[in-house]
Amino acid sequence: MSLWQSASKQARSTFLGSIAFTTITIVTVFKLKEYEFDVRRKGIIRDDERRKQLIENSIEYERNEALQQRLALEQNVTVTSN
């Protein structure tokens, strides 16, 4: 008679339950790890896009500032400060 057949029904149920619980725990931890990795990756991509947009905005601001100064010189406009 094998060990499995000689074990009581309660012992077999407990063993199968512990295997199921362990399997579910491992799968859940694995899925959670994948989810957190995806969230971090999306955050990095979002931060890179923000940095890129900030640089583009800085360049555009500098262009507009230079254009404003050039137009002011062309029109002989004096800027007054308060």
PDB file of N, CA and C in Angstrom:
ATOM      1  N   MET A   1       0.837  -1.173   0.000  1.00  0.00           N
ATOM      2  CA  MET A   1       0.000   0.000   0.000  1.00  0.00           C
ATOM      3  C   MET A   1       0.889   1.247   0.000  1.00  0.00           C
ATOM      4  N   SER A   2       0.545   2.248  -0.862  1.00  0.00           N
ATOM      5  CA  SER A   2       1.360   3.451  -0.965  1.00  0.00           C
ATOM      6  C   SER A   2       1.048   4.418   0.175  1.00  0.00           C
ATOM      7  N   LEU A   3       1.926   5.382   0.316  1.00  0.00           N
ATOM      8  CA  LEU A   3       1.760   6.387   1.369  1.00  0.00           C
ATOM      9  C   LEU A   3       0.478   7.173   1.172  1.00  0.00           C
ATOM     10  N   TRP A   4       0.161   7.466  -0.090  1.00  0.00           N
ATOM     11  CA  TRP A   4      -1.050   8.248  -0.387  1.00  0.00           C
ATOM     12  C   TRP A   4      -2.306   7.482   0.026  1.00  0.00           C
ATOM     13  N   GLN A   5      -2.341   6.208  -0.249  1.00  0.00           N
ATOM     14  CA  GLN A   5      -3.513   5.402   0.089  1.00  0.00           C
ATOM     15  C   GLN A   5      -3.629   5.176   1.589  1.00  0.00           C
ATOM     16  N   SER A   6      -2.512   5.168   2.285  1.00  0.00           N
ATOM     17  CA  SER A   6      -2.563   4.909   3.718  1.00  0.00           C
ATOM     18  C   SER A   6      -2.899   6.159   4.527  1.00  0.00           C
ATOM     19  N   ALA A   7      -2.801   7.351   3.909  1.00  0.00           N
ATOM     20  CA  ALA A   7      -3.109   8.593   4.623  1.00  0.00           C
ATOM     21  C   ALA A   7      -4.616   8.746   4.773  1.00  0.00           C
ATOM     22  N   SER A   8      -5.020   9.381   5.843  1.00  0.00           N
ATOM     23  CA  SER A   8      -6.443   9.583   6.076  1.00  0.00           C
ATOM     24  C   SER A   8      -7.005  10.601   5.086  1.00  0.00           C
ATOM     25  N   LYS A   9      -8.301  10.622   4.969  1.00  0.00           N
ATOM     26  CA  LYS A   9      -8.950  11.552   4.053  1.00  0.00           C
ATOM     27  C   LYS A   9      -8.670  12.994   4.476  1.00  0.00           C
ATOM     28  N   GLN A  10      -8.664  13.256   5.752  1.00  0.00           N
ATOM     29  CA  GLN A  10      -8.387  14.599   6.255  1.00  0.00           C
ATOM     30  C   GLN A  10      -6.944  15.005   5.931  1.00  0.00           C
ATOM     31  N   ALA A  11      -5.997  14.113   6.072  1.00  0.00           N
ATOM     32  CA  ALA A  11      -4.597  14.411   5.763  1.00  0.00           C
ATOM     33  C   ALA A  11      -4.426  14.693   4.272  1.00  0.00           C
ATOM     34  N   ARG A  12      -5.091  13.905   3.426  1.00  0.00           N
ATOM     35  CA  ARG A  12      -5.005  14.143   1.988  1.00  0.00           C
ATOM     36  C   ARG A  12      -5.614  15.498   1.627  1.00  0.00           C
ATOM     37  N   SER A  13      -6.756  15.825   2.234  1.00  0.00           N
ATOM     38  CA  SER A  13      -7.402  17.116   1.964  1.00  0.00           C
ATOM     39  C   SER A  13      -6.514  18.270   2.401  1.00  0.00           C
ATOM     40  N   THR A  14      -5.892  18.139   3.557  1.00  0.00           N
ATOM     41  CA  THR A  14      -4.990  19.184   4.050  1.00  0.00           C
ATOM     42  C   THR A  14      -3.798  19.342   3.115  1.00  0.00           C
ATOM     43  N   PHE A  15      -3.236  18.230   2.687  1.00  0.00           N
ATOM     44  CA  PHE A  15      -2.092  18.275   1.775  1.00  0.00           C
ATOM     45  C   PHE A  15      -2.461  18.944   0.457  1.00  0.00           C
ATOM     46  N   LEU A  16      -3.582  18.543  -0.128  1.00  0.00           N
ATOM     47  CA  LEU A  16      -4.023  19.146  -1.393  1.00  0.00           C
ATOM     48  C   LEU A  16      -4.350  20.619  -1.210  1.00  0.00           C
ATOM     49  N   GLY A  17      -4.943  20.956  -0.088  1.00  0.00           N
ATOM     50  CA  GLY A  17      -5.251  22.367   0.200  1.00  0.00           C
ATOM     51  C   GLY A  17      -3.997  23.204   0.316  1.00  0.00           C
ATOM     52  N   SER A  18      -2.972  22.651   0.977  1.00  0.00           N
ATOM     53  CA  SER A  18      -1.721  23.407   1.115  1.00  0.00           C
ATOM     54  C   SER A  18      -1.026  23.567  -0.236  1.00  0.00           C
ATOM     55  N   ILE A  19      -1.102  22.553  -1.081  1.00  0.00           N
ATOM     56  CA  ILE A  19      -0.533  22.666  -2.432  1.00  0.00           C
ATOM     57  C   ILE A  19      -1.273  23.737  -3.224  1.00  0.00           C
ATOM     58  N   ALA A  20      -2.607  23.745  -3.136  1.00  0.00           N
ATOM     59  CA  ALA A  20      -3.402  24.741  -3.854  1.00  0.00           C
ATOM     60  C   ALA A  20      -3.079  26.151  -3.345  1.00  0.00           C
ATOM     61  N   PHE A  21      -3.012  26.303  -2.028  1.00  0.00           N
ATOM     62  CA  PHE A  21      -2.705  27.613  -1.445  1.00  0.00           C
ATOM     63  C   PHE A  21      -1.323  28.089  -1.878  1.00  0.00           C
ATOM     64  N   THR A  22      -0.345  27.216  -1.843  1.00  0.00           N
ATOM     65  CA  THR A  22       1.016  27.578  -2.244  1.00  0.00           C
ATOM     66  C   THR A  22       1.058  27.976  -3.714  1.00  0.00           C
ATOM     67  N   THR A  23       0.376  27.216  -4.555  1.00  0.00           N
ATOM     68  CA  THR A  23       0.342  27.517  -5.987  1.00  0.00           C
ATOM     69  C   THR A  23      -0.305  28.873  -6.242  1.00  0.00           C
ATOM     70  N   ILE A  24      -1.430  29.122  -5.589  1.00  0.00           N
ATOM     71  CA  ILE A  24      -2.131  30.402  -5.765  1.00  0.00           C
ATOM     72  C   ILE A  24      -1.255  31.558  -5.286  1.00  0.00           C
ATOM     73  N   THR A  25      -0.558  31.369  -4.171  1.00  0.00           N
ATOM     74  CA  THR A  25       0.324  32.408  -3.642  1.00  0.00           C
ATOM     75  C   THR A  25       1.451  32.712  -4.618  1.00  0.00           C
ATOM     76  N   ILE A  26       2.075  31.683  -5.143  1.00  0.00           N
ATOM     77  CA  ILE A  26       3.187  31.881  -6.085  1.00  0.00           C
ATOM     78  C   ILE A  26       2.703  32.591  -7.347  1.00  0.00           C
ATOM     79  N   VAL A  27       1.576  32.165  -7.898  1.00  0.00           N
ATOM     80  CA  VAL A  27       1.042  32.799  -9.105  1.00  0.00           C
ATOM     81  C   VAL A  27       0.683  34.252  -8.824  1.00  0.00           C
ATOM     82  N   THR A  28       0.078  34.521  -7.672  1.00  0.00           N
ATOM     83  CA  THR A  28      -0.299  35.892  -7.317  1.00  0.00           C
ATOM     84  C   THR A  28       0.926  36.782  -7.181  1.00  0.00           C
ATOM     85  N   VAL A  29       1.959  36.300  -6.510  1.00  0.00           N
ATOM     86  CA  VAL A  29       3.185  37.088  -6.361  1.00  0.00           C
ATOM     87  C   VAL A  29       3.824  37.347  -7.722  1.00  0.00           C
ATOM     88  N   PHE A  30       3.841  36.349  -8.583  1.00  0.00           N
ATOM     89  CA  PHE A  30       4.401  36.516  -9.924  1.00  0.00           C
ATOM     90  C   PHE A  30       3.631  37.569 -10.705  1.00  0.00           C
ATOM     91  N   LYS A  31       2.300  37.504 -10.681  1.00  0.00           N
ATOM     92  CA  LYS A  31       1.471  38.479 -11.400  1.00  0.00           C
ATOM     93  C   LYS A  31       1.650  39.881 -10.821  1.00  0.00           C
ATOM     94  N   LEU A  32       1.744  39.987  -9.502  1.00  0.00           N
ATOM     95  CA  LEU A  32       1.954  41.278  -8.863  1.00  0.00           C
ATOM     96  C   LEU A  32       3.296  41.869  -9.277  1.00  0.00           C
ATOM     97  N   LYS A  33       4.315  41.051  -9.361  1.00  0.00           N
ATOM     98  CA  LYS A  33       5.637  41.494  -9.789  1.00  0.00           C
ATOM     99  C   LYS A  33       5.581  42.015 -11.231  1.00  0.00           C
ATOM    100  N   GLU A  34       4.893  41.305 -12.105  1.00  0.00           N
ATOM    101  CA  GLU A  34       4.742  41.758 -13.492  1.00  0.00           C
ATOM    102  C   GLU A  34       3.998  43.085 -13.551  1.00  0.00           C
ATOM    103  N   TYR A  35       2.935  43.208 -12.759  1.00  0.00           N
ATOM    104  CA  TYR A  35       2.141  44.435 -12.745  1.00  0.00           C
ATOM    105  C   TYR A  35       2.995  45.617 -12.276  1.00  0.00           C
ATOM    106  N   GLU A  36       3.746  45.439 -11.194  1.00  0.00           N
ATOM    107  CA  GLU A  36       4.593  46.513 -10.681  1.00  0.00           C
ATOM    108  C   GLU A  36       5.674  46.890 -11.686  1.00  0.00           C
ATOM    109  N   PHE A  37       6.220  45.913 -12.384  1.00  0.00           N
ATOM    110  CA  PHE A  37       7.221  46.197 -13.411  1.00  0.00           C
ATOM    111  C   PHE A  37       6.612  47.048 -14.519  1.00  0.00           C
ATOM    112  N   ASP A  38       5.405  46.690 -14.962  1.00  0.00           N
ATOM    113  CA  ASP A  38       4.730  47.458 -16.009  1.00  0.00           C
ATOM    114  C   ASP A  38       4.442  48.883 -15.553  1.00  0.00           C
ATOM    115  N   VAL A  39       4.021  49.039 -14.299  1.00  0.00           N
ATOM    116  CA  VAL A  39       3.730  50.374 -13.769  1.00  0.00           C
ATOM    117  C   VAL A  39       5.000  51.213 -13.742  1.00  0.00           C
ATOM    118  N   ARG A  40       6.119  50.631 -13.302  1.00  0.00           N
ATOM    119  CA  ARG A  40       7.390  51.362 -13.280  1.00  0.00           C
ATOM    120  C   ARG A  40       7.823  51.746 -14.695  1.00  0.00           C
ATOM    121  N   ARG A  41       7.663  50.816 -15.630  1.00  0.00           N
ATOM    122  CA  ARG A  41       8.061  51.102 -17.016  1.00  0.00           C
ATOM    123  C   ARG A  41       7.216  52.238 -17.593  1.00  0.00           C
ATOM    124  N   LYS A  42       5.911  52.213 -17.329  1.00  0.00           N
ATOM    125  CA  LYS A  42       5.048  53.285 -17.814  1.00  0.00           C
ATOM    126  C   LYS A  42       5.418  54.608 -17.171  1.00  0.00           C
ATOM    127  N   GLY A  43       5.802  54.578 -15.902  1.00  0.00           N
ATOM    128  CA  GLY A  43       6.231  55.792 -15.214  1.00  0.00           C
ATOM    129  C   GLY A  43       7.497  56.357 -15.816  1.00  0.00           C
ATOM    130  N   ILE A  44       8.432  55.490 -16.161  1.00  0.00           N
ATOM    131  CA  ILE A  44       9.686  55.934 -16.779  1.00  0.00           C
ATOM    132  C   ILE A  44       9.401  56.552 -18.140  1.00  0.00           C
ATOM    133  N   ILE A  45       8.543  55.906 -18.912  1.00  0.00           N
ATOM    134  CA  ILE A  45       8.183  56.440 -20.241  1.00  0.00           C
ATOM    135  C   ILE A  45       7.504  57.795 -20.084  1.00  0.00           C
ATOM    136  N   ARG A  46       6.598  57.909 -19.118  1.00  0.00           N
ATOM    137  CA  ARG A  46       5.893  59.166 -18.885  1.00  0.00           C
ATOM    138  C   ARG A  46       6.875  60.263 -18.463  1.00  0.00           C
ATOM    139  N   ASP A  47       7.825  59.931 -17.595  1.00  0.00           N
ATOM    140  CA  ASP A  47       8.832  60.912 -17.178  1.00  0.00           C
ATOM    141  C   ASP A  47       9.695  61.346 -18.350  1.00  0.00           C
ATOM    142  N   ASP A  48      10.082  60.407 -19.207  1.00  0.00           N
ATOM    143  CA  ASP A  48      10.870  60.758 -20.392  1.00  0.00           C
ATOM    144  C   ASP A  48      10.097  61.700 -21.308  1.00  0.00           C
ATOM    145  N   GLU A  49       8.800  61.442 -21.466  1.00  0.00           N
ATOM    146  CA  GLU A  49       7.983  62.317 -22.309  1.00  0.00           C
ATOM    147  C   GLU A  49       7.871  63.705 -21.693  1.00  0.00           C
ATOM    148  N   ARG A  50       7.735  63.771 -20.365  1.00  0.00           N
ATOM    149  CA  ARG A  50       7.675  65.080 -19.701  1.00  0.00           C
ATOM    150  C   ARG A  50       8.975  65.847 -19.891  1.00  0.00           C
ATOM    151  N   ARG A  51      10.105  65.170 -19.730  1.00  0.00           N
ATOM    152  CA  ARG A  51      11.405  65.828 -19.928  1.00  0.00           C
ATOM    153  C   ARG A  51      11.542  66.326 -21.364  1.00  0.00           C
ATOM    154  N   LYS A  52      11.136  65.501 -22.314  1.00  0.00           N
ATOM    155  CA  LYS A  52      11.208  65.886 -23.724  1.00  0.00           C
ATOM    156  C   LYS A  52      10.328  67.112 -23.979  1.00  0.00           C
ATOM    157  N   GLN A  53       9.119  67.105 -23.410  1.00  0.00           N
ATOM    158  CA  GLN A  53       8.212  68.239 -23.589  1.00  0.00           C
ATOM    159  C   GLN A  53       8.781  69.492 -22.933  1.00  0.00           C
ATOM    160  N   LEU A  54       9.411  69.338 -21.775  1.00  0.00           N
ATOM    161  CA  LEU A  54      10.023  70.479 -21.093  1.00  0.00           C
ATOM    162  C   LEU A  54      11.135  71.083 -21.942  1.00  0.00           C
ATOM    163  N   ILE A  55      11.956  70.248 -22.538  1.00  0.00           N
ATOM    164  CA  ILE A  55      13.032  70.730 -23.408  1.00  0.00           C
ATOM    165  C   ILE A  55      12.452  71.437 -24.628  1.00  0.00           C
ATOM    166  N   GLU A  56      11.409  70.837 -25.226  1.00  0.00           N
ATOM    167  CA  GLU A  56      10.772  71.470 -26.391  1.00  0.00           C
ATOM    168  C   GLU A  56      10.165  72.818 -26.008  1.00  0.00           C
ATOM    169  N   ASN A  57       9.556  72.876 -24.823  1.00  0.00           N
ATOM    170  CA  ASN A  57       8.972  74.141 -24.367  1.00  0.00           C
ATOM    171  C   ASN A  57      10.051  75.190 -24.137  1.00  0.00           C
ATOM    172  N   SER A  58      11.192  74.781 -23.592  1.00  0.00           N
ATOM    173  CA  SER A  58      12.303  75.713 -23.364  1.00  0.00           C
ATOM    174  C   SER A  58      12.815  76.266 -24.691  1.00  0.00           C
ATOM    175  N   ILE A  59      12.975  75.385 -25.662  1.00  0.00           N
ATOM    176  CA  ILE A  59      13.451  75.816 -26.985  1.00  0.00           C
ATOM    177  C   ILE A  59      12.452  76.777 -27.615  1.00  0.00           C
ATOM    178  N   GLU A  60      11.174  76.449 -27.524  1.00  0.00           N
ATOM    179  CA  GLU A  60      10.136  77.308 -28.092  1.00  0.00           C
ATOM    180  C   GLU A  60      10.107  78.664 -27.384  1.00  0.00           C
ATOM    181  N   TYR A  61      10.279  78.647 -26.083  1.00  0.00           N
ATOM    182  CA  TYR A  61      10.314  79.906 -25.323  1.00  0.00           C
ATOM    183  C   TYR A  61      11.489  80.770 -25.778  1.00  0.00           C
ATOM    184  N   GLU A  62      12.656  80.147 -25.922  1.00  0.00           N
ATOM    185  CA  GLU A  62      13.826  80.897 -26.368  1.00  0.00           C
ATOM    186  C   GLU A  62      13.631  81.463 -27.771  1.00  0.00           C
ATOM    187  N   ARG A  63      13.019  80.687 -28.641  1.00  0.00           N
ATOM    188  CA  ARG A  63      12.734  81.180 -30.007  1.00  0.00           C
ATOM    189  C   ARG A  63      11.791  82.381 -29.953  1.00  0.00           C
ATOM    190  N   ASN A  64      10.738  82.251 -29.159  1.00  0.00           N
ATOM    191  CA  ASN A  64       9.782  83.349 -29.057  1.00  0.00           C
ATOM    192  C   ASN A  64      10.421  84.588 -28.440  1.00  0.00           C
ATOM    193  N   GLU A  65      11.270  84.375 -27.458  1.00  0.00           N
ATOM    194  CA  GLU A  65      11.970  85.491 -26.817  1.00  0.00           C
ATOM    195  C   GLU A  65      12.870  86.195 -27.839  1.00  0.00           C
ATOM    196  N   ALA A  66      13.607  85.433 -28.624  1.00  0.00           N
ATOM    197  CA  ALA A  66      14.481  86.014 -29.649  1.00  0.00           C
ATOM    198  C   ALA A  66      13.660  86.735 -30.717  1.00  0.00           C
ATOM    199  N   LEU A  67      12.555  86.143 -31.112  1.00  0.00           N
ATOM    200  CA  LEU A  67      11.682  86.765 -32.106  1.00  0.00           C
ATOM    201  C   LEU A  67      11.113  88.075 -31.576  1.00  0.00           C
ATOM    202  N   GLN A  68      10.706  88.068 -30.326  1.00  0.00           N
ATOM    203  CA  GLN A  68      10.159  89.281 -29.731  1.00  0.00           C
ATOM    204  C   GLN A  68      11.211  90.390 -29.696  1.00  0.00           C
ATOM    205  N   GLN A  69      12.432  90.036 -29.328  1.00  0.00           N
ATOM    206  CA  GLN A  69      13.505  91.047 -29.304  1.00  0.00           C
ATOM    207  C   GLN A  69      13.804  91.573 -30.704  1.00  0.00           C
ATOM    208  N   ARG A  70      13.815  90.669 -31.685  1.00  0.00           N
ATOM    209  CA  ARG A  70      14.097  91.089 -33.063  1.00  0.00           C
ATOM    210  C   ARG A  70      12.995  92.006 -33.575  1.00  0.00           C
ATOM    211  N   LEU A  71      11.736  91.638 -33.307  1.00  0.00           N
ATOM    212  CA  LEU A  71      10.619  92.479 -33.756  1.00  0.00           C
ATOM    213  C   LEU A  71      10.626  93.817 -33.044  1.00  0.00           C
ATOM    214  N   ALA A  72      11.000  93.819 -31.784  1.00  0.00           N
ATOM    215  CA  ALA A  72      11.055  95.079 -31.047  1.00  0.00           C
ATOM    216  C   ALA A  72      12.118  95.996 -31.642  1.00  0.00           C
ATOM    217  N   LEU A  73      13.238  95.419 -32.028  1.00  0.00           N
ATOM    218  CA  LEU A  73      14.283  96.231 -32.649  1.00  0.00           C
ATOM    219  C   LEU A  73      13.849  96.740 -34.013  1.00  0.00           C
ATOM    220  N   GLU A  74      13.160  95.885 -34.766  1.00  0.00           N
ATOM    221  CA  GLU A  74      12.710  96.297 -36.101  1.00  0.00           C
ATOM    222  C   GLU A  74      11.676  97.410 -36.018  1.00  0.00           C
ATOM    223  N   GLN A  75      10.869  97.369 -35.020  1.00  0.00           N
ATOM    224  CA  GLN A  75       9.788  98.357 -34.912  1.00  0.00           C
ATOM    225  C   GLN A  75      10.205  99.561 -34.064  1.00  0.00           C
ATOM    226  N   ASN A  76      11.419  99.534 -33.570  1.00  0.00           N
ATOM    227  CA  ASN A  76      11.911 100.620 -32.729  1.00  0.00           C
ATOM    228  C   ASN A  76      10.995 100.886 -31.544  1.00  0.00           C
ATOM    229  N   VAL A  77      10.600  99.816 -30.899  1.00  0.00           N
ATOM    230  CA  VAL A  77       9.721  99.927 -29.742  1.00  0.00           C
ATOM    231  C   VAL A  77      10.587  99.962 -28.499  1.00  0.00           C
ATOM    232  N   THR A  78      10.279 100.856 -27.607  1.00  0.00           N
ATOM    233  CA  THR A  78      11.010 100.901 -26.351  1.00  0.00           C
ATOM    234  C   THR A  78      10.194 100.172 -25.288  1.00  0.00           C
ATOM    235  N   VAL A  79      10.882  99.371 -24.527  1.00  0.00           N
ATOM    236  CA  VAL A  79      10.235  98.619 -23.463  1.00  0.00           C
ATOM    237  C   VAL A  79      10.421  99.387 -22.175  1.00  0.00           C
ATOM    238  N   THR A  80       9.301  99.616 -21.500  1.00  0.00           N
ATOM    239  CA  THR A  80       9.386 100.327 -20.228  1.00  0.00           C
ATOM    240  C   THR A  80       9.184  99.344 -19.098  1.00  0.00           C
ATOM    241  N   SER A  81       9.940  99.537 -18.042  1.00  0.00           N
ATOM    242  CA  SER A  81       9.834  98.656 -16.879  1.00  0.00           C
ATOM    243  C   SER A  81       9.154  99.420 -15.766  1.00  0.00           C
ATOM    244  N   ASN A  82       8.355  98.721 -15.015  1.00  0.00           N
ATOM    245  CA  ASN A  82       7.693  99.335 -13.856  1.00  0.00           C
ATOM    246  C   ASN A  82       8.373  98.951 -12.595  1.00  0.00           C
TER     247      ASN A  82
END
